[in-house]
């Protein structure tokens, strides 16, 4: 009878397999979270707009704020995110993509709004300047965003 795995052969392959298996499994299953909550400005729910999460890697993620101030963002990579909140403006109805896809374009979007259109301070529109942050964990979680 022929042995498939001799001690000499398995002695070399088994440690290599045990070291690479966790890496292969870890790379294929990136952890994600679902974040929901309420956006308020001066204690009152913000009735419309957009929430943006910008992680350390990847494209910014956007979601719409509902009429009761609530938002929900699915499939958010775990880790720290910077947060931006932008109210809807009249020009959003004309655009197919209401929020910029490139973090460098937030300044352009912010300058397109006038202060009279926005009930919240302009700094919140830019995740890089808003000072709003959160650390996303795996699974479902709640994070309320209180603007002052």
N, C-alpha and C. Protein backbone atom coordinates (compact mmCIF):
# COMPACT_ATOMS: atom_id res chain seq x y z
N UNK A 1 0.83 -1.16 0.00
CA UNK A 1 0.00 0.00 0.00
C UNK A 1 0.89 1.24 0.00
N UNK A 2 0.54 2.21 -0.87
CA UNK A 2 1.33 3.42 -1.01
C UNK A 2 0.79 4.50 -0.07
N UNK A 3 1.67 5.15 0.66
CA UNK A 3 1.27 6.21 1.59
C UNK A 3 1.16 7.53 0.84
N UNK A 4 0.04 8.23 1.02
CA UNK A 4 -0.17 9.53 0.35
C UNK A 4 0.65 10.61 1.03
N UNK A 5 0.68 10.57 2.32
CA UNK A 5 1.38 11.62 3.06
C UNK A 5 2.43 10.98 3.97
N UNK A 6 3.64 10.98 3.51
CA UNK A 6 4.72 10.44 4.32
C UNK A 6 5.09 11.49 5.37
N UNK A 7 5.68 11.07 6.48
CA UNK A 7 6.07 12.03 7.51
C UNK A 7 7.00 13.11 6.97
N UNK A 8 7.85 12.75 6.03
CA UNK A 8 8.78 13.71 5.46
C UNK A 8 8.02 14.76 4.64
N UNK A 9 7.07 14.30 3.79
CA UNK A 9 6.32 15.22 2.94
C UNK A 9 5.34 16.05 3.78
N UNK A 10 4.57 15.44 4.66
CA UNK A 10 3.59 16.15 5.47
C UNK A 10 4.26 17.07 6.48
N UNK A 11 5.44 16.72 6.90
CA UNK A 11 6.17 17.55 7.86
C UNK A 11 6.51 18.91 7.28
N UNK A 12 6.63 19.00 5.96
CA UNK A 12 6.93 20.27 5.31
C UNK A 12 5.66 21.01 4.89
N UNK A 13 4.67 20.29 4.43
CA UNK A 13 3.46 20.90 3.87
C UNK A 13 2.49 21.36 4.95
N UNK A 14 2.32 20.57 6.01
CA UNK A 14 1.34 20.88 7.03
C UNK A 14 1.58 22.24 7.71
N UNK A 15 2.78 22.57 8.16
CA UNK A 15 2.97 23.90 8.77
C UNK A 15 2.68 25.04 7.79
N UNK A 16 3.06 24.87 6.54
CA UNK A 16 2.80 25.90 5.53
C UNK A 16 1.29 26.07 5.33
N UNK A 17 0.57 24.96 5.27
CA UNK A 17 -0.88 25.01 5.11
C UNK A 17 -1.54 25.68 6.32
N UNK A 18 -1.09 25.35 7.51
CA UNK A 18 -1.67 25.95 8.72
C UNK A 18 -1.40 27.45 8.81
N UNK A 19 -0.28 27.91 8.27
CA UNK A 19 0.03 29.34 8.27
C UNK A 19 -0.75 30.11 7.22
N UNK A 20 -0.96 29.54 6.05
CA UNK A 20 -1.61 30.26 4.97
C UNK A 20 -3.14 30.18 5.01
N UNK A 21 -3.71 29.18 5.63
CA UNK A 21 -5.16 29.03 5.67
C UNK A 21 -5.85 30.22 6.35
N UNK A 22 -5.42 30.67 7.53
CA UNK A 22 -6.07 31.84 8.13
C UNK A 22 -5.96 33.10 7.27
N UNK A 23 -4.84 33.27 6.60
CA UNK A 23 -4.68 34.43 5.73
C UNK A 23 -5.65 34.39 4.56
N UNK A 24 -5.81 33.23 3.97
CA UNK A 24 -6.73 33.09 2.84
C UNK A 24 -8.17 33.31 3.27
N UNK A 25 -8.52 32.81 4.42
CA UNK A 25 -9.89 32.99 4.92
C UNK A 25 -10.12 34.44 5.29
N UNK A 26 -9.17 35.07 5.94
CA UNK A 26 -9.29 36.47 6.37
C UNK A 26 -9.39 37.43 5.21
N UNK A 27 -8.68 37.21 4.13
CA UNK A 27 -8.70 38.10 2.98
C UNK A 27 -10.01 38.02 2.22
N UNK A 28 -10.64 36.89 2.26
CA UNK A 28 -11.86 36.72 1.49
C UNK A 28 -13.10 37.22 2.20
N UNK A 29 -13.06 37.38 3.50
CA UNK A 29 -14.27 37.78 4.22
C UNK A 29 -14.02 39.09 4.97
N UNK A 30 -14.19 40.18 4.27
CA UNK A 30 -13.99 41.48 4.88
C UNK A 30 -15.17 41.79 5.79
N UNK A 31 -14.94 42.24 6.99
CA UNK A 31 -16.00 42.53 7.94
C UNK A 31 -16.71 43.82 7.56
N UNK A 32 -18.03 43.79 7.71
CA UNK A 32 -18.87 44.95 7.39
C UNK A 32 -19.83 45.20 8.54
N UNK A 33 -20.32 46.41 8.59
CA UNK A 33 -21.30 46.78 9.59
C UNK A 33 -22.47 47.51 8.97
N UNK A 34 -23.55 47.57 9.71
CA UNK A 34 -24.72 48.36 9.32
C UNK A 34 -24.90 49.41 10.41
N UNK A 35 -24.90 50.67 10.00
CA UNK A 35 -25.00 51.77 10.95
C UNK A 35 -26.30 52.52 10.68
N UNK A 36 -27.05 52.76 11.73
CA UNK A 36 -28.27 53.56 11.60
C UNK A 36 -28.37 54.48 12.80
N UNK A 37 -29.19 55.51 12.66
CA UNK A 37 -29.35 56.46 13.74
C UNK A 37 -30.19 57.63 13.29
N UNK A 38 -30.13 58.70 14.06
CA UNK A 38 -30.87 59.91 13.76
C UNK A 38 -29.91 61.08 13.68
N UNK A 39 -30.12 61.94 12.69
CA UNK A 39 -29.33 63.16 12.54
C UNK A 39 -30.15 64.31 13.10
N UNK A 40 -29.58 65.02 14.07
CA UNK A 40 -30.27 66.16 14.65
C UNK A 40 -29.41 67.41 14.52
N UNK A 41 -30.08 68.55 14.41
CA UNK A 41 -29.41 69.85 14.42
C UNK A 41 -30.09 70.70 15.49
N UNK A 42 -29.32 71.14 16.47
CA UNK A 42 -29.81 71.89 17.62
C UNK A 42 -30.96 71.15 18.30
N UNK A 43 -30.84 69.83 18.39
CA UNK A 43 -31.81 69.00 19.09
C UNK A 43 -33.02 68.56 18.27
N UNK A 44 -33.15 69.07 17.05
CA UNK A 44 -34.29 68.71 16.20
C UNK A 44 -33.84 67.81 15.06
N UNK A 45 -34.66 66.80 14.69
CA UNK A 45 -34.28 65.92 13.57
C UNK A 45 -34.12 66.72 12.27
N UNK A 46 -33.07 66.43 11.54
CA UNK A 46 -32.84 67.04 10.22
C UNK A 46 -33.76 66.31 9.24
N UNK A 47 -34.72 67.00 8.60
CA UNK A 47 -35.75 66.32 7.82
C UNK A 47 -35.32 65.79 6.45
N UNK A 48 -34.14 66.15 5.98
CA UNK A 48 -33.66 65.63 4.70
C UNK A 48 -32.18 65.91 4.58
N UNK A 49 -31.58 65.29 3.58
CA UNK A 49 -30.15 65.50 3.35
C UNK A 49 -29.44 64.18 3.10
N UNK A 50 -28.14 64.23 3.29
CA UNK A 50 -27.30 63.07 3.03
C UNK A 50 -26.25 62.91 4.11
N UNK A 51 -25.96 61.67 4.47
CA UNK A 51 -24.88 61.33 5.39
C UNK A 51 -23.80 60.64 4.57
N UNK A 52 -22.56 61.03 4.79
CA UNK A 52 -21.42 60.44 4.09
C UNK A 52 -20.45 59.87 5.11
N UNK A 53 -20.01 58.64 4.88
CA UNK A 53 -18.95 58.02 5.67
C UNK A 53 -17.73 57.88 4.77
N UNK A 54 -16.59 58.36 5.26
CA UNK A 54 -15.34 58.23 4.52
C UNK A 54 -14.37 57.42 5.40
N UNK A 55 -14.08 56.20 4.95
CA UNK A 55 -13.15 55.35 5.67
C UNK A 55 -11.72 55.63 5.24
N UNK A 56 -10.79 54.90 5.86
CA UNK A 56 -9.38 55.07 5.52
C UNK A 56 -9.07 54.57 4.12
N UNK A 57 -9.85 53.60 3.64
CA UNK A 57 -9.66 53.03 2.31
C UNK A 57 -11.01 52.96 1.62
N UNK A 58 -10.99 52.97 0.32
CA UNK A 58 -12.23 52.81 -0.43
C UNK A 58 -12.94 54.12 -0.70
N UNK A 59 -14.02 54.00 -1.44
CA UNK A 59 -14.81 55.17 -1.83
C UNK A 59 -15.72 55.60 -0.69
N UNK A 60 -16.08 56.88 -0.65
CA UNK A 60 -17.04 57.34 0.34
C UNK A 60 -18.39 56.64 0.14
N UNK A 61 -19.10 56.43 1.24
CA UNK A 61 -20.43 55.84 1.20
C UNK A 61 -21.45 56.91 1.57
N UNK A 62 -22.57 56.93 0.85
CA UNK A 62 -23.59 57.94 1.07
C UNK A 62 -24.94 57.28 1.31
N UNK A 63 -25.76 57.94 2.10
CA UNK A 63 -27.14 57.51 2.28
C UNK A 63 -28.00 58.73 2.53
N UNK A 64 -29.28 58.60 2.24
CA UNK A 64 -30.20 59.71 2.37
C UNK A 64 -30.80 59.75 3.78
N UNK A 65 -31.01 60.97 4.27
CA UNK A 65 -31.67 61.17 5.56
C UNK A 65 -33.18 61.19 5.30
N UNK A 66 -33.92 60.42 6.08
CA UNK A 66 -35.38 60.34 5.93
C UNK A 66 -36.05 61.54 6.59
N UNK A 67 -37.33 61.74 6.35
CA UNK A 67 -38.07 62.91 6.85
C UNK A 67 -38.10 62.99 8.38
N UNK A 68 -37.92 61.86 9.07
CA UNK A 68 -37.90 61.88 10.54
C UNK A 68 -36.48 62.02 11.09
N UNK A 69 -35.51 62.28 10.21
CA UNK A 69 -34.12 62.46 10.64
C UNK A 69 -33.31 61.19 10.67
N UNK A 70 -33.92 60.05 10.39
CA UNK A 70 -33.20 58.77 10.48
C UNK A 70 -32.40 58.49 9.21
N UNK A 71 -31.35 57.70 9.38
CA UNK A 71 -30.55 57.23 8.26
C UNK A 71 -30.15 55.79 8.52
N UNK A 72 -29.76 55.09 7.47
CA UNK A 72 -29.26 53.72 7.59
C UNK A 72 -28.25 53.50 6.47
N UNK A 73 -27.08 52.99 6.85
CA UNK A 73 -26.03 52.72 5.88
C UNK A 73 -25.59 51.26 6.05
N UNK A 74 -25.73 50.47 4.97
CA UNK A 74 -25.37 49.06 4.99
C UNK A 74 -23.99 48.85 4.37
N UNK A 75 -23.39 47.72 4.71
CA UNK A 75 -22.11 47.28 4.12
C UNK A 75 -20.99 48.30 4.30
N UNK A 76 -20.87 48.83 5.50
CA UNK A 76 -19.81 49.77 5.82
C UNK A 76 -18.61 48.98 6.33
N UNK A 77 -17.44 49.14 5.72
CA UNK A 77 -16.25 48.44 6.23
C UNK A 77 -15.96 48.85 7.67
N UNK A 78 -15.55 47.88 8.49
CA UNK A 78 -15.24 48.19 9.89
C UNK A 78 -14.01 49.08 9.96
N UNK A 79 -13.98 49.88 11.01
CA UNK A 79 -12.86 50.79 11.23
C UNK A 79 -13.34 52.22 11.37
N UNK A 80 -12.39 53.13 11.58
CA UNK A 80 -12.76 54.53 11.78
C UNK A 80 -13.26 55.17 10.48
N UNK A 81 -14.27 56.04 10.64
CA UNK A 81 -14.80 56.80 9.50
C UNK A 81 -14.93 58.26 9.91
N UNK A 82 -14.78 59.13 8.92
CA UNK A 82 -15.11 60.54 9.08
C UNK A 82 -16.51 60.71 8.51
N UNK A 83 -17.29 61.59 9.12
CA UNK A 83 -18.69 61.73 8.74
C UNK A 83 -18.97 63.14 8.24
N UNK A 84 -19.73 63.22 7.17
CA UNK A 84 -20.22 64.50 6.66
C UNK A 84 -21.73 64.45 6.57
N UNK A 85 -22.36 65.59 6.80
CA UNK A 85 -23.82 65.70 6.69
C UNK A 85 -24.11 66.92 5.83
N UNK A 86 -24.90 66.69 4.80
CA UNK A 86 -25.24 67.78 3.88
C UNK A 86 -26.74 67.79 3.67
N UNK A 87 -27.38 68.94 3.87
CA UNK A 87 -28.81 69.00 3.61
C UNK A 87 -29.07 68.95 2.11
N UNK A 88 -30.29 68.60 1.74
CA UNK A 88 -30.66 68.62 0.33
C UNK A 88 -30.81 70.06 -0.11
N UNK A 89 -30.44 70.30 -1.35
CA UNK A 89 -30.67 71.62 -1.94
C UNK A 89 -31.52 71.42 -3.18
N UNK A 90 -32.02 72.49 -3.73
CA UNK A 90 -32.84 72.41 -4.94
C UNK A 90 -32.10 71.77 -6.09
N UNK A 91 -30.80 71.95 -6.18
CA UNK A 91 -30.03 71.39 -7.29
C UNK A 91 -29.89 69.88 -7.20
N UNK A 92 -30.13 69.28 -6.01
CA UNK A 92 -30.01 67.83 -5.87
C UNK A 92 -31.04 67.09 -6.71
N UNK A 93 -32.17 67.69 -6.96
CA UNK A 93 -33.22 67.06 -7.75
C UNK A 93 -32.80 66.92 -9.21
N UNK A 94 -31.86 67.78 -9.63
CA UNK A 94 -31.42 67.76 -11.02
C UNK A 94 -30.23 66.84 -11.23
N UNK A 95 -29.53 66.50 -10.16
CA UNK A 95 -28.32 65.69 -10.28
C UNK A 95 -28.64 64.21 -10.15
N UNK A 96 -27.94 63.38 -10.94
CA UNK A 96 -28.14 61.93 -10.81
C UNK A 96 -27.38 61.39 -9.60
N UNK A 97 -26.28 62.02 -9.22
CA UNK A 97 -25.51 61.61 -8.06
C UNK A 97 -25.36 62.81 -7.14
N UNK A 98 -26.13 62.88 -6.04
CA UNK A 98 -26.17 64.07 -5.23
C UNK A 98 -24.92 64.34 -4.41
N UNK A 99 -24.08 63.34 -4.19
CA UNK A 99 -22.88 63.53 -3.38
C UNK A 99 -21.65 63.20 -4.20
N UNK A 100 -20.54 63.90 -3.94
CA UNK A 100 -19.31 63.61 -4.67
C UNK A 100 -18.77 62.23 -4.33
N UNK A 101 -18.12 61.60 -5.28
CA UNK A 101 -17.53 60.28 -5.08
C UNK A 101 -16.07 60.36 -4.64
N UNK A 102 -15.43 61.46 -4.92
CA UNK A 102 -14.02 61.63 -4.57
C UNK A 102 -13.94 62.57 -3.38
N UNK A 103 -13.21 62.18 -2.30
CA UNK A 103 -13.13 63.05 -1.13
C UNK A 103 -12.64 64.46 -1.45
N UNK A 104 -11.85 64.63 -2.49
CA UNK A 104 -11.34 65.96 -2.85
C UNK A 104 -12.44 66.84 -3.45
N UNK A 105 -13.55 66.24 -3.89
CA UNK A 105 -14.63 67.00 -4.51
C UNK A 105 -15.62 67.57 -3.50
N UNK A 106 -15.45 67.30 -2.20
CA UNK A 106 -16.39 67.82 -1.22
C UNK A 106 -16.36 69.34 -1.18
N UNK A 107 -15.19 69.93 -1.37
CA UNK A 107 -15.10 71.38 -1.36
C UNK A 107 -15.93 71.98 -2.50
N UNK A 108 -15.92 71.34 -3.67
CA UNK A 108 -16.71 71.82 -4.80
C UNK A 108 -18.20 71.75 -4.48
N UNK A 109 -18.64 70.65 -3.89
CA UNK A 109 -20.05 70.49 -3.56
C UNK A 109 -20.46 71.52 -2.51
N UNK A 110 -19.58 71.77 -1.55
CA UNK A 110 -19.88 72.72 -0.49
C UNK A 110 -19.97 74.14 -1.05
N UNK A 111 -19.07 74.49 -1.98
CA UNK A 111 -19.10 75.84 -2.53
C UNK A 111 -20.29 76.06 -3.45
N UNK A 112 -20.89 74.98 -3.95
CA UNK A 112 -22.06 75.10 -4.81
C UNK A 112 -23.31 75.50 -4.02
N UNK A 113 -23.28 75.28 -2.70
CA UNK A 113 -24.42 75.64 -1.87
C UNK A 113 -24.21 77.04 -1.31
N UNK A 114 -25.27 77.78 -1.15
CA UNK A 114 -25.17 79.06 -0.46
C UNK A 114 -25.62 78.83 0.96
N UNK A 115 -25.18 79.67 1.85
CA UNK A 115 -25.54 79.48 3.26
C UNK A 115 -27.03 79.59 3.48
N UNK A 116 -27.74 80.36 2.64
CA UNK A 116 -29.19 80.51 2.82
C UNK A 116 -29.93 79.20 2.51
N UNK A 117 -29.35 78.32 1.69
CA UNK A 117 -29.98 77.05 1.38
C UNK A 117 -29.82 76.05 2.51
N UNK A 118 -28.83 76.21 3.34
CA UNK A 118 -28.48 75.21 4.33
C UNK A 118 -28.86 75.65 5.73
N UNK A 119 -29.66 74.83 6.44
CA UNK A 119 -29.99 75.16 7.82
C UNK A 119 -28.86 74.81 8.80
N UNK A 120 -27.84 74.12 8.33
CA UNK A 120 -26.74 73.72 9.21
C UNK A 120 -25.45 74.40 8.77
N UNK A 121 -24.48 74.57 9.68
CA UNK A 121 -23.21 75.19 9.30
C UNK A 121 -22.51 74.42 8.18
N UNK A 122 -21.90 75.13 7.23
CA UNK A 122 -21.27 74.50 6.07
C UNK A 122 -20.16 73.50 6.40
N UNK A 123 -19.51 73.65 7.56
CA UNK A 123 -18.39 72.75 7.89
C UNK A 123 -18.82 71.29 7.94
N UNK A 124 -20.11 71.02 8.25
CA UNK A 124 -20.57 69.64 8.36
C UNK A 124 -20.67 68.94 7.01
N UNK A 125 -20.69 69.70 5.92
CA UNK A 125 -20.79 69.10 4.59
C UNK A 125 -19.52 68.35 4.19
N UNK A 126 -18.40 68.73 4.74
CA UNK A 126 -17.10 68.14 4.39
C UNK A 126 -16.64 67.19 5.50
N UNK A 127 -16.60 65.87 5.23
CA UNK A 127 -16.18 64.92 6.27
C UNK A 127 -14.76 65.20 6.80
N UNK A 128 -13.95 65.85 5.99
CA UNK A 128 -12.58 66.14 6.42
C UNK A 128 -12.51 67.33 7.37
N UNK A 129 -13.57 68.14 7.45
CA UNK A 129 -13.57 69.32 8.32
C UNK A 129 -14.66 69.28 9.39
N UNK A 130 -15.57 68.34 9.31
CA UNK A 130 -16.73 68.32 10.21
C UNK A 130 -16.38 67.97 11.65
N UNK A 131 -15.28 67.28 11.85
CA UNK A 131 -14.85 66.78 13.16
C UNK A 131 -15.81 65.70 13.70
N UNK A 132 -16.63 65.15 12.82
CA UNK A 132 -17.52 64.04 13.19
C UNK A 132 -16.85 62.73 12.81
N UNK A 133 -16.69 61.85 13.77
CA UNK A 133 -16.05 60.56 13.52
C UNK A 133 -16.80 59.45 14.24
N UNK A 134 -16.54 58.23 13.81
CA UNK A 134 -17.14 57.05 14.44
C UNK A 134 -16.30 55.85 14.07
N UNK A 135 -16.27 54.84 14.92
CA UNK A 135 -15.59 53.60 14.60
C UNK A 135 -16.64 52.53 14.37
N UNK A 136 -16.73 52.07 13.13
CA UNK A 136 -17.70 51.06 12.73
C UNK A 136 -17.20 49.69 13.19
N UNK A 137 -18.10 48.90 13.77
CA UNK A 137 -17.77 47.54 14.17
C UNK A 137 -18.62 46.58 13.34
N UNK A 138 -18.29 45.32 13.41
CA UNK A 138 -19.03 44.30 12.66
C UNK A 138 -20.45 44.18 13.23
N UNK A 139 -21.41 44.03 12.33
CA UNK A 139 -22.80 43.85 12.75
C UNK A 139 -23.60 45.14 12.73
N UNK A 140 -24.76 45.09 13.35
CA UNK A 140 -25.69 46.22 13.37
C UNK A 140 -25.40 47.09 14.58
N UNK A 141 -25.40 48.39 14.39
CA UNK A 141 -25.13 49.33 15.45
C UNK A 141 -25.86 50.65 15.23
N UNK A 142 -26.02 51.41 16.30
CA UNK A 142 -26.69 52.70 16.20
C UNK A 142 -25.69 53.79 16.52
N UNK A 143 -25.71 54.83 15.67
CA UNK A 143 -24.88 56.01 15.91
C UNK A 143 -25.68 57.25 15.54
N UNK A 144 -26.13 57.98 16.54
CA UNK A 144 -26.85 59.22 16.32
C UNK A 144 -25.84 60.32 16.06
N UNK A 145 -26.18 61.21 15.14
CA UNK A 145 -25.29 62.31 14.76
C UNK A 145 -25.95 63.62 15.22
N UNK A 146 -25.34 64.26 16.21
CA UNK A 146 -25.88 65.50 16.75
C UNK A 146 -25.04 66.68 16.25
N UNK A 147 -25.66 67.54 15.45
CA UNK A 147 -25.00 68.73 14.93
C UNK A 147 -25.35 69.92 15.81
N UNK A 148 -24.38 70.81 16.00
CA UNK A 148 -24.61 71.97 16.89
C UNK A 148 -24.59 73.26 16.10
